[in-house]
Amino acid sequence: MGSSGPEAREGEEEGSDRVHALDQVDLTVPDGRTLAVLGPSGCGKSTLLRVISGLEADYSGELFYDDQNMMDVPPRDRYIGMVFQNYALYPHFEGHGNLSFFFRMRKAPDEEAEERIRITSEIMGIGFNSLLQRKPGTLSGGQQQRVAIARAIVRRPRVFLFDEPLSNLDAKLRSKTRVEIKRLLRRFSITALYVTHDQTEAMALGDLVAVMRAGRIEQVGPFEEVRRQPANTFVAGFLGIPPMSLLPGAVVDRGGIAAGRGLRIVPQAPQLEALRSGKRVTVGIPAESVKVTVDEDGIRAEAEGGAQAPVNTWRGTVESVEPDYGRHVQFIGFRSGEHRLQGQADARERIAPGERIVVQFDDMGLHFFDDESGDRLV
């Protein structure tokens, strides 16, 4: 499935400029794979799904399912399986009616409809049959979402489109439903686009992730590859839990990078050689590349007259502590000079807001971006 430069426009009013909800999007989803689309609210994620499904026709460009141009194909003939955030079930139909409505509209034989519903019910697992006899208003959010997913499956879609399907569920149910969706996607190998703001969902479900900003696709690739090699400062500051710390306005010199107020960073030699002396850069530092410890030795050294810190070692003051017991670490938000950064410490180390800390940067984890354009340099 692919698209070539579609531009969707919305929000036009008399005397105002047209807003490009999608701007020169060039995107290909490999057959049978799932592409997770991430981006801030209003970046065009849902509009992208509306264009693909045929619900939005005000765009220029081309859209293909395999080699078929879908420009003149109405939504009903695109065989889309779409699952919405608000489930979008027909409230006056029981679950069975929601699944069979597609076949009624196409005047398909009842035998075909019943057989497809039976197969879909088996796919959806234990307890699903009981939902077919109940109307949406009597179902929980998770049960409604199961019916909505089954309604998409029963059509045997060419493409699955998911628009923030789990955002209305609680954390436990979200995790359970995520596992069910992943199982179904793997079983059928149907090409899918999964729009979400939740990076955990994107990691779990997406074979690839596309990061969007202001209607444009900033970067596409496997989640971990994009996180470790962001194309620009937007991707670096958006992707990751927590995202990369960004230090703008740093200046390259012969010995390293001057980050302000006596703070220096010394990258590896090949990186430094690739940066022009005098150039202003934004330094990107992932939290896992910043080791944080309590600054007992530094405080003592300052009291005794001061000592020069080792290379890539700064001191700072803790502003926040967020434990991650699953990874046995804690994320430390701290201030050093005019910069606010995120680092990591062992979960067993006692670190509290207001404490003085020493931070050691791993030079293998440093990233450098052009300070004006935001594009990646090295």
Protein backbone atom coordinates (compact mmCIF):
# COMPACT_ATOMS: atom_id res chain seq x y z
CA MET A 1 0.00 0.00 0.00
CA GLY A 2 1.42 3.38 -0.87
CA SER A 3 0.73 7.04 -1.36
CA SER A 4 2.53 9.70 -3.37
CA GLY A 5 2.53 13.24 -2.08
CA PRO A 6 -1.10 13.58 -0.92
CA GLU A 7 -2.06 16.99 0.44
CA ALA A 8 -5.31 17.20 2.39
CA ARG A 9 -6.75 20.63 3.13
CA GLU A 10 -9.12 21.60 5.87
CA GLY A 11 -10.24 24.61 7.89
CA GLU A 12 -10.73 26.97 4.93
CA GLU A 13 -12.65 30.13 5.74
CA GLU A 14 -13.29 33.29 3.77
CA GLY A 15 -10.25 35.53 3.86
CA SER A 16 -8.01 32.91 5.49
CA ASP A 17 -5.24 30.70 4.14
CA ARG A 18 -5.92 27.02 3.50
CA VAL A 19 -4.43 24.74 6.12
CA HIS A 20 -2.59 21.67 4.85
CA ALA A 21 -3.54 18.88 7.24
CA LEU A 22 -1.30 16.61 5.15
CA ASP A 23 1.68 18.12 3.37
CA GLN A 24 3.57 16.12 0.72
CA VAL A 25 3.14 12.81 2.52
CA ASP A 26 5.10 10.06 0.75
CA LEU A 27 4.51 6.80 2.58
CA THR A 28 4.64 3.11 1.72
CA VAL A 29 3.37 0.39 4.06
CA PRO A 30 4.88 -3.02 3.26
CA ASP A 31 2.35 -5.73 2.47
CA GLY A 32 1.23 -7.57 5.58
CA ARG A 33 3.03 -5.23 7.98
CA THR A 34 1.76 -2.82 10.61
CA LEU A 35 2.80 0.83 10.53
CA ALA A 36 2.27 2.73 13.78
CA VAL A 37 1.75 6.48 13.21
CA LEU A 38 2.87 8.68 16.11
CA GLY A 39 2.68 12.42 16.53
CA PRO A 40 1.26 15.23 18.66
CA SER A 41 -2.42 16.15 18.59
CA GLY A 42 -3.40 17.98 15.41
CA CYS A 43 -0.46 16.74 13.34
CA GLY A 44 -2.68 15.02 10.74
CA LYS A 45 -2.74 11.39 11.92
CA SER A 46 -6.52 10.95 11.76
CA THR A 47 -6.73 12.91 8.50
CA LEU A 48 -4.25 10.45 6.99
CA LEU A 49 -6.59 7.55 7.88
CA ARG A 50 -9.57 9.43 6.45
CA VAL A 51 -7.75 9.90 3.14
CA ILE A 52 -6.74 6.23 3.00
CA SER A 53 -10.27 5.06 3.81
CA GLY A 54 -11.87 7.41 1.28
CA LEU A 55 -13.78 9.43 3.89
CA GLU A 56 -11.73 12.51 2.96
CA ALA A 57 -11.75 13.38 -0.73
CA ASP A 58 -10.34 16.93 -0.69
CA TYR A 59 -6.73 16.12 -1.47
CA SER A 60 -4.31 16.05 -4.37
CA GLY A 61 -1.95 13.19 -5.07
CA GLU A 62 -2.27 9.45 -5.54
CA LEU A 63 -3.21 6.58 -3.26
CA PHE A 64 -2.60 2.94 -4.16
CA TYR A 65 -3.60 -0.38 -2.65
CA ASP A 66 -0.95 -2.60 -4.21
CA ASP A 67 -1.07 -1.46 -7.86
CA GLN A 68 -4.67 -0.19 -7.78
CA ASN A 69 -5.19 3.56 -7.78
CA MET A 70 -8.00 4.23 -5.29
CA MET A 71 -8.80 7.78 -6.40
CA ASP A 72 -12.21 6.87 -7.87
CA VAL A 73 -13.01 3.90 -5.62
CA PRO A 74 -15.76 4.74 -3.08
CA PRO A 75 -15.16 3.88 0.59
CA ARG A 76 -17.64 0.97 0.57
CA ASP A 77 -15.62 -0.79 -2.14
CA ARG A 78 -12.20 -0.37 -0.56
CA TYR A 79 -12.70 -3.24 1.91
CA ILE A 80 -11.37 -1.24 4.84
CA GLY A 81 -11.52 -2.59 8.37
CA MET A 82 -11.61 0.55 10.51
CA VAL A 83 -11.60 0.62 14.32
CA PHE A 84 -12.27 3.97 15.95
CA GLN A 85 -11.47 5.48 19.33
CA ASN A 86 -15.17 5.73 20.18
CA TYR A 87 -16.00 2.24 18.79
CA ALA A 88 -18.70 3.66 16.40
CA LEU A 89 -21.04 0.72 16.90
CA TYR A 90 -24.67 0.92 15.80
CA PRO A 91 -26.43 1.39 19.18
CA HIS A 92 -29.79 -0.10 18.11
CA PHE A 93 -28.20 -3.36 16.86
CA GLU A 94 -27.00 -6.21 19.02
CA GLY A 95 -23.45 -7.40 18.45
CA HIS A 96 -24.65 -9.85 15.81
CA GLY A 97 -26.40 -7.05 13.95
CA ASN A 98 -23.28 -4.90 14.00
CA LEU A 99 -21.28 -7.71 12.41
CA SER A 100 -23.97 -8.63 9.84
CA PHE A 101 -24.75 -5.05 8.72
CA PHE A 102 -21.95 -5.13 6.14
CA PHE A 103 -23.53 -8.18 4.48
CA ARG A 104 -27.04 -6.69 4.56
CA MET A 105 -25.81 -3.61 2.71
CA ARG A 106 -24.27 -5.83 0.06
CA LYS A 107 -27.31 -8.12 -0.08
CA ALA A 108 -25.07 -11.10 0.57
CA PRO A 109 -26.73 -14.47 1.30
CA ASP A 110 -27.55 -15.08 4.96
CA GLU A 111 -25.56 -18.31 4.86
CA GLU A 112 -22.38 -16.42 3.91
CA ALA A 113 -22.94 -13.85 6.63
CA GLU A 114 -23.54 -16.45 9.32
CA GLU A 115 -20.49 -18.46 8.33
CA ARG A 116 -18.24 -15.39 8.40
CA ILE A 117 -19.65 -14.35 11.79
CA ARG A 118 -19.09 -17.85 13.15
CA ILE A 119 -15.45 -17.88 12.00
CA THR A 120 -14.87 -14.38 13.37
CA SER A 121 -16.36 -15.36 16.74
CA GLU A 122 -13.93 -18.28 16.97
CA ILE A 123 -11.05 -15.95 16.15
CA MET A 124 -12.10 -13.47 18.85
CA GLY A 125 -11.86 -16.19 21.50
CA ILE A 126 -13.69 -17.43 24.55
CA GLY A 127 -16.74 -15.46 25.66
CA PHE A 128 -17.19 -13.50 22.45
CA ASN A 129 -20.38 -15.34 21.42
CA SER A 130 -22.16 -13.98 24.48
CA LEU A 131 -21.51 -10.41 23.27
CA LEU A 132 -23.36 -11.03 20.02
CA GLN A 133 -26.71 -11.08 21.82
CA ARG A 134 -26.22 -7.74 23.61
CA LYS A 135 -26.54 -4.12 22.48
CA PRO A 136 -23.54 -1.79 22.79
CA GLY A 137 -25.13 0.15 25.66
CA THR A 138 -25.00 -2.93 27.88
CA LEU A 139 -21.31 -3.65 27.17
CA SER A 140 -18.19 -2.35 28.91
CA GLY A 141 -15.65 -0.31 26.98
CA GLY A 142 -13.42 -3.33 26.47
CA GLN A 143 -16.33 -5.47 25.27
CA GLN A 144 -17.45 -2.77 22.83
CA GLN A 145 -13.92 -2.60 21.48
CA ARG A 146 -13.88 -6.39 20.93
CA VAL A 147 -17.12 -6.11 18.92
CA ALA A 148 -15.70 -3.19 16.93
CA ILE A 149 -12.56 -5.19 16.09
CA ALA A 150 -14.68 -8.22 15.12
CA ARG A 151 -16.81 -6.01 12.85
CA ALA A 152 -13.61 -5.00 11.05
CA ILE A 153 -12.35 -8.59 10.78
CA VAL A 154 -15.62 -10.03 9.45
CA ARG A 155 -15.24 -7.96 6.28
CA ARG A 156 -11.94 -9.68 5.38
CA PRO A 157 -10.40 -6.25 4.84
CA ARG A 158 -7.54 -5.41 2.51
CA VAL A 159 -6.33 -2.82 5.01
CA PHE A 160 -6.85 -2.40 8.76
CA LEU A 161 -7.05 1.19 10.03
CA PHE A 162 -6.92 1.80 13.78
CA ASP A 163 -7.59 5.32 15.09
CA GLU A 164 -6.49 5.47 18.76
CA PRO A 165 -8.58 2.36 19.49
CA LEU A 166 -7.47 1.82 23.10
CA SER A 167 -7.36 5.36 24.47
CA ASN A 168 -10.72 5.02 26.27
CA LEU A 169 -9.72 1.86 28.15
CA ASP A 170 -8.05 1.60 31.55
CA ALA A 171 -4.39 0.53 31.74
CA LYS A 172 -5.01 -3.17 32.47
CA LEU A 173 -7.64 -3.56 29.76
CA ARG A 174 -5.50 -1.59 27.33
CA SER A 175 -2.65 -4.04 27.84
CA LYS A 176 -4.92 -7.07 27.39
CA THR A 177 -6.60 -5.69 24.25
CA ARG A 178 -3.20 -4.73 22.81
CA VAL A 179 -2.15 -8.38 23.06
CA GLU A 180 -5.35 -9.47 21.29
CA ILE A 181 -4.83 -6.97 18.47
CA LYS A 182 -1.22 -8.06 18.00
CA ARG A 183 -2.29 -11.70 17.84
CA LEU A 184 -4.89 -10.91 15.19
CA LEU A 185 -2.51 -8.79 13.10
CA ARG A 186 0.12 -11.55 13.15
CA ARG A 187 -2.44 -14.24 12.34
CA PHE A 188 -3.88 -12.52 9.27
CA SER A 189 -0.83 -10.57 8.08
CA ILE A 190 -3.12 -7.79 6.93
CA THR A 191 -1.55 -4.46 6.05
CA ALA A 192 -2.43 -2.07 8.87
CA LEU A 193 -2.01 1.54 9.96
CA TYR A 194 -2.28 2.11 13.68
CA VAL A 195 -2.62 5.72 14.81
CA THR A 196 -1.74 6.31 18.45
CA HIS A 197 -0.17 8.79 20.84
CA ASP A 198 0.98 5.93 23.09
CA GLN A 199 4.59 4.93 22.39
CA THR A 200 4.16 1.63 24.24
CA GLU A 201 1.43 0.67 21.77
CA ALA A 202 3.60 1.75 18.85
CA MET A 203 6.50 -0.39 20.09
CA ALA A 204 4.28 -3.42 20.76
CA LEU A 205 2.19 -3.38 17.58
CA GLY A 206 4.16 -1.60 14.88
CA ASP A 207 6.64 -3.36 12.63
CA LEU A 208 7.50 0.20 11.62
CA VAL A 209 6.78 3.59 13.14
CA ALA A 210 6.16 6.87 11.31
CA VAL A 211 6.63 10.12 13.24
CA MET A 212 4.38 12.97 12.04
CA ARG A 213 4.58 16.71 12.60
CA ALA A 214 2.35 19.39 11.05
CA GLY A 215 1.12 17.07 8.29
CA ARG A 216 4.56 15.79 7.31
CA ILE A 217 6.24 12.46 7.86
CA GLU A 218 9.49 13.24 9.68
CA GLN A 219 10.94 9.72 9.81
CA VAL A 220 9.94 6.08 9.20
CA GLY A 221 11.63 2.93 10.46
CA PRO A 222 11.66 0.30 13.19
CA PHE A 223 10.88 1.99 16.52
CA GLU A 224 14.24 1.35 18.16
CA GLU A 225 16.17 2.41 15.06
CA VAL A 226 14.28 5.71 14.87
CA ARG A 227 14.72 6.30 18.59
CA ARG A 228 18.48 5.65 18.46
CA GLN A 229 19.11 7.52 15.20
CA PRO A 230 16.57 10.39 15.05
CA ALA A 231 16.57 12.39 11.83
CA ASN A 232 16.09 15.73 13.57
CA THR A 233 15.52 17.44 16.91
CA PHE A 234 11.75 17.03 16.67
CA VAL A 235 11.99 13.24 16.48
CA ALA A 236 14.71 13.21 19.15
CA GLY A 237 12.62 15.30 21.54
CA PHE A 238 9.39 13.39 20.83
CA LEU A 239 10.30 9.71 20.74
CA GLY A 240 11.42 7.78 23.78
CA ILE A 241 10.30 7.38 27.39
CA PRO A 242 11.71 9.76 28.45
CA PRO A 243 12.73 11.49 25.20
CA MET A 244 16.26 12.63 24.50
CA SER A 245 17.50 15.75 26.31
CA LEU A 246 18.32 18.57 23.88
CA LEU A 247 20.93 21.27 24.58
CA PRO A 248 20.58 24.04 21.94
CA GLY A 249 23.09 26.78 21.27
CA ALA A 250 26.26 24.75 21.93
CA VAL A 251 29.39 25.85 20.04
CA VAL A 252 32.00 23.54 18.49
CA ASP A 253 35.65 24.30 19.22
CA ARG A 254 38.89 22.40 18.77
CA GLY A 255 38.68 20.52 22.03
CA GLY A 256 34.99 19.70 22.15
CA ILE A 257 31.62 21.40 22.56
CA ALA A 258 31.03 24.46 24.74
CA ALA A 259 27.53 24.09 26.22
CA GLY A 260 27.50 27.32 28.23
CA ARG A 261 28.70 28.60 31.63
CA GLY A 262 31.82 26.49 31.66
CA LEU A 263 29.96 23.28 30.74
CA ARG A 264 31.76 21.20 28.14
CA ILE A 265 31.10 17.97 26.26
CA VAL A 266 33.84 16.03 24.51
CA PRO A 267 32.48 13.68 21.80
CA GLN A 268 34.36 10.80 20.21
CA ALA A 269 37.09 11.90 17.80
CA PRO A 270 35.23 10.93 14.56
CA GLN A 271 32.19 12.95 15.67
CA LEU A 272 34.28 15.99 16.59
CA GLU A 273 36.15 15.82 13.28
CA ALA A 274 32.82 15.83 11.41
CA LEU A 275 31.74 19.07 13.09
CA ARG A 276 33.06 22.41 11.86
CA SER A 277 34.79 24.54 14.47
CA GLY A 278 32.67 27.53 15.42
CA LYS A 279 29.42 25.89 14.31
CA ARG A 280 26.40 26.15 16.60
CA VAL A 281 24.80 22.79 17.28
CA THR A 282 22.08 21.22 19.40
CA VAL A 283 23.42 18.33 21.49
CA GLY A 284 21.11 15.33 22.02
CA ILE A 285 21.67 13.09 25.04
CA PRO A 286 19.49 10.01 25.71
CA ALA A 287 18.66 9.40 29.38
CA GLU A 288 20.32 5.98 29.29
CA SER A 289 23.61 7.68 28.32
CA VAL A 290 23.61 9.80 31.49
CA LYS A 291 24.69 8.00 34.66
CA VAL A 292 23.56 9.80 37.82
CA THR A 293 25.01 9.37 41.32
CA VAL A 294 24.83 11.37 44.54
CA ASP A 295 27.57 14.03 44.51
CA GLU A 296 29.15 13.27 47.87
CA ASP A 297 32.74 13.34 46.58
CA GLY A 298 32.11 16.52 44.56
CA ILE A 299 30.63 18.36 47.51
CA ARG A 300 33.58 17.32 49.65
CA ALA A 301 36.09 18.41 46.94
CA GLU A 302 34.44 21.81 46.62
CA ALA A 303 34.68 22.27 50.38
CA GLU A 304 38.41 21.50 50.19
CA GLY A 305 39.10 24.03 47.45
CA GLY A 306 37.68 22.38 44.33
CA ALA A 307 38.96 19.82 41.87
CA GLN A 308 38.69 19.63 38.10
CA ALA A 309 35.91 17.28 37.04
CA PRO A 310 36.67 14.34 34.73
CA VAL A 311 35.79 14.65 31.03
CA ASN A 312 32.02 14.69 30.32
CA THR A 313 31.20 14.95 34.01
CA TRP A 314 28.86 17.67 35.24
CA ARG A 315 27.25 18.45 38.54
CA GLY A 316 23.59 19.28 38.91
CA THR A 317 20.58 19.55 41.18
CA VAL A 318 17.74 17.01 41.16
CA GLU A 319 14.32 18.36 40.17
CA SER A 320 12.32 15.13 39.76
CA VAL A 321 12.63 11.37 40.36
CA GLU A 322 10.52 8.79 38.47
CA PRO A 323 11.13 5.11 39.28
CA ASP A 324 10.80 2.44 36.60
CA TYR A 325 10.69 -0.77 38.60
CA GLY A 326 10.31 -2.94 35.50
CA ARG A 327 13.78 -1.90 34.33
CA HIS A 328 15.21 -1.50 37.85
CA VAL A 329 16.15 2.12 37.18
CA GLN A 330 14.94 5.56 38.10
CA PHE A 331 14.84 8.54 35.77
CA ILE A 332 16.32 11.67 37.28
CA GLY A 333 15.32 15.09 36.00
CA PHE A 334 18.00 17.61 36.92
CA ARG A 335 19.28 21.09 36.22
CA SER A 336 22.89 21.85 35.37
CA GLY A 337 23.65 25.48 34.55
CA GLU A 338 20.87 26.70 32.27
CA HIS A 339 20.10 23.19 31.02
CA ARG A 340 17.43 20.74 32.13
CA LEU A 341 18.24 17.09 31.38
CA GLN A 342 17.17 13.54 32.12
CA GLY A 343 19.49 10.83 33.40
CA GLN A 344 19.34 7.35 34.87
CA ALA A 345 20.32 5.86 38.19
CA ASP A 346 20.10 2.45 39.81
CA ALA A 347 16.65 2.01 41.37
CA ARG A 348 18.28 1.11 44.70
CA GLU A 349 20.14 4.40 45.00
CA ARG A 350 18.43 6.96 47.21
CA ILE A 351 18.14 10.21 45.30
CA ALA A 352 15.67 12.94 46.22
CA PRO A 353 14.61 16.29 44.70
CA GLY A 354 16.94 19.10 45.74
CA GLU A 355 19.97 16.81 46.10
CA ARG A 356 23.30 17.58 44.46
CA ILE A 357 24.35 14.94 41.95
CA VAL A 358 27.21 14.15 39.63
CA VAL A 359 26.38 13.04 36.07
CA GLN A 360 28.64 11.21 33.65
CA PHE A 361 27.87 11.36 29.91
CA ASP A 362 28.66 8.32 27.75
CA ASP A 363 30.33 9.80 24.67
CA MET A 364 29.00 6.91 22.54
CA GLY A 365 25.44 8.14 23.18
CA LEU A 366 25.87 11.74 22.04
CA HIS A 367 23.97 13.14 19.04
CA PHE A 368 24.51 16.43 17.21
CA PHE A 369 21.99 18.44 15.19
CA ASP A 370 22.17 21.67 13.21
CA ASP A 371 21.07 24.42 15.58
CA GLU A 372 19.02 26.23 12.91
CA SER A 373 17.39 23.52 10.81
CA GLY A 374 17.30 20.86 13.52
CA ASP A 375 18.58 18.25 11.04
CA ARG A 376 20.92 15.53 12.22
CA LEU A 377 24.63 16.14 11.62
CA VAL A 378 26.32 13.12 13.27
